[in-house]
Amino acid sequence: MSDVQLLLLAIAGRLTIYALQKFPLVKDVKAKFFSELVSCDFCLGVWVYSVLSGLTRWVLFYDMYYVPICSEIITGLALSFVLHIFSIGWNSRFSTIIIEDNDAVQKSA
């Protein structure tokens, strides 16, 4: 897989993660396991990238050690980790921090 195809896979996965986290039916799931899975970028990313890796047939270490299901999960784990670290860095660099005065908040309540 070329670099452009890997970039498209990463973008498609990130958009899928974002859509699943914003989708109302998935966001309001009552089961604790699924609600925690959807709320965690990294956790959901492992499953999304594993499925995308299986669908696109792109895995890490394809030439050396290919084990059919484990290779897709390892690829999903690696892609999710790298993109999770990238998004944490992006958010810390470009996010806005709002500091409020606790006394003003308590007086208005």
Protein backbone atom coordinates (compact mmCIF):
# COMPACT_ATOMS: atom_id res chain seq x y z
CA MET A 1 0.00 0.00 0.00
CA SER A 2 1.38 3.37 -0.91
CA ASP A 3 1.69 6.38 1.37
CA VAL A 4 -1.36 8.03 -0.19
CA GLN A 5 -3.48 4.94 0.40
CA LEU A 6 -2.30 4.79 4.03
CA LEU A 7 -3.20 8.46 4.47
CA LEU A 8 -6.66 7.82 2.99
CA LEU A 9 -7.10 4.84 5.33
CA ALA A 10 -6.15 6.99 8.32
CA ILE A 11 -8.53 9.78 7.28
CA ALA A 12 -11.38 7.35 6.59
CA GLY A 13 -10.87 5.73 9.99
CA ARG A 14 -10.72 9.05 11.82
CA LEU A 15 -13.92 10.22 10.12
CA THR A 16 -15.60 6.93 11.00
CA ILE A 17 -14.58 7.31 14.66
CA TYR A 18 -15.87 10.88 14.72
CA ALA A 19 -19.17 9.87 13.10
CA LEU A 20 -19.69 6.96 15.49
CA GLN A 21 -19.04 9.20 18.49
CA LYS A 22 -21.51 11.82 17.28
CA PHE A 23 -24.23 9.44 16.06
CA PRO A 24 -27.14 9.70 18.54
CA LEU A 25 -28.10 6.02 18.57
CA VAL A 26 -24.55 4.93 19.30
CA LYS A 27 -23.87 7.74 21.77
CA ASP A 28 -26.90 6.95 23.94
CA VAL A 29 -26.25 3.23 24.37
CA LYS A 30 -27.25 1.99 27.83
CA ALA A 31 -24.72 -0.87 28.05
CA LYS A 32 -21.68 0.30 30.01
CA PHE A 33 -19.16 -1.57 27.83
CA PHE A 34 -20.39 0.00 24.59
CA SER A 35 -20.76 3.49 26.06
CA GLU A 36 -17.16 3.38 27.32
CA LEU A 37 -15.99 1.95 23.99
CA VAL A 38 -17.61 4.76 22.01
CA SER A 39 -16.41 7.50 24.37
CA CYS A 40 -12.74 6.45 24.09
CA ASP A 41 -11.01 7.51 20.85
CA PHE A 42 -8.24 4.97 21.20
CA CYS A 43 -10.52 2.03 22.12
CA LEU A 44 -12.95 2.67 19.29
CA GLY A 45 -10.05 3.32 16.94
CA VAL A 46 -8.57 -0.13 17.51
CA TRP A 47 -11.80 -1.76 16.31
CA VAL A 48 -12.43 0.68 13.45
CA TYR A 49 -8.89 0.42 12.09
CA SER A 50 -8.87 -3.37 12.52
CA VAL A 51 -12.03 -3.66 10.43
CA LEU A 52 -10.72 -1.20 7.83
CA SER A 53 -7.44 -3.10 7.70
CA GLY A 54 -9.31 -6.32 6.98
CA LEU A 55 -11.51 -4.67 4.35
CA THR A 56 -8.64 -2.97 2.52
CA ARG A 57 -6.27 -5.92 3.01
CA TRP A 58 -3.52 -3.61 4.24
CA VAL A 59 -1.57 -4.86 7.25
CA LEU A 60 1.76 -4.07 8.86
CA PHE A 61 4.47 -6.70 8.42
CA TYR A 62 2.63 -8.41 5.56
CA ASP A 63 5.86 -9.73 4.06
CA MET A 64 7.34 -11.15 7.27
CA TYR A 65 4.72 -12.49 9.66
CA TYR A 66 1.14 -12.62 8.46
CA VAL A 67 -1.40 -14.29 10.76
CA PRO A 68 -4.88 -13.63 9.32
CA ILE A 69 -6.82 -12.07 12.20
CA CYS A 70 -3.99 -11.11 14.54
CA SER A 71 -2.24 -9.05 11.86
CA GLU A 72 -5.34 -6.91 11.28
CA ILE A 73 -5.78 -6.33 15.03
CA ILE A 74 -2.10 -5.38 15.44
CA THR A 75 -2.42 -3.00 12.48
CA GLY A 76 -5.56 -1.48 14.01
CA LEU A 77 -3.81 -1.09 17.35
CA ALA A 78 -0.76 0.58 15.81
CA LEU A 79 -2.77 2.97 13.61
CA SER A 80 -5.10 3.86 16.45
CA PHE A 81 -2.18 4.56 18.81
CA VAL A 82 -0.32 6.77 16.34
CA LEU A 83 -3.42 8.76 15.41
CA HIS A 84 -4.50 9.04 19.06
CA ILE A 85 -1.10 10.53 19.98
CA PHE A 86 -1.35 12.84 16.96
CA SER A 87 -4.83 14.05 17.99
CA ILE A 88 -3.71 14.63 21.59
CA GLY A 89 -0.84 16.76 20.31
CA TRP A 90 -3.11 18.62 17.91
CA ASN A 91 -5.67 19.34 20.63
CA SER A 92 -3.05 20.53 23.12
CA ARG A 93 -1.47 22.80 20.54
CA PHE A 94 -4.59 24.34 19.02
CA SER A 95 -7.31 24.10 21.68
CA THR A 96 -8.60 27.05 23.66
CA ILE A 97 -8.52 26.89 27.45
CA ILE A 98 -11.15 28.93 29.26
CA ILE A 99 -10.47 29.83 32.89
CA GLU A 100 -13.49 30.90 34.91
CA ASP A 101 -13.65 32.51 38.30
CA ASN A 102 -15.24 30.10 40.80
CA ASP A 103 -16.71 32.96 42.88
CA ALA A 104 -18.53 34.40 39.85
CA VAL A 105 -19.86 30.97 38.94
CA GLN A 106 -21.11 30.31 42.49
CA LYS A 107 -22.78 33.76 42.78
CA SER A 108 -24.69 33.28 39.54
CA ALA A 109 -26.00 29.86 40.62
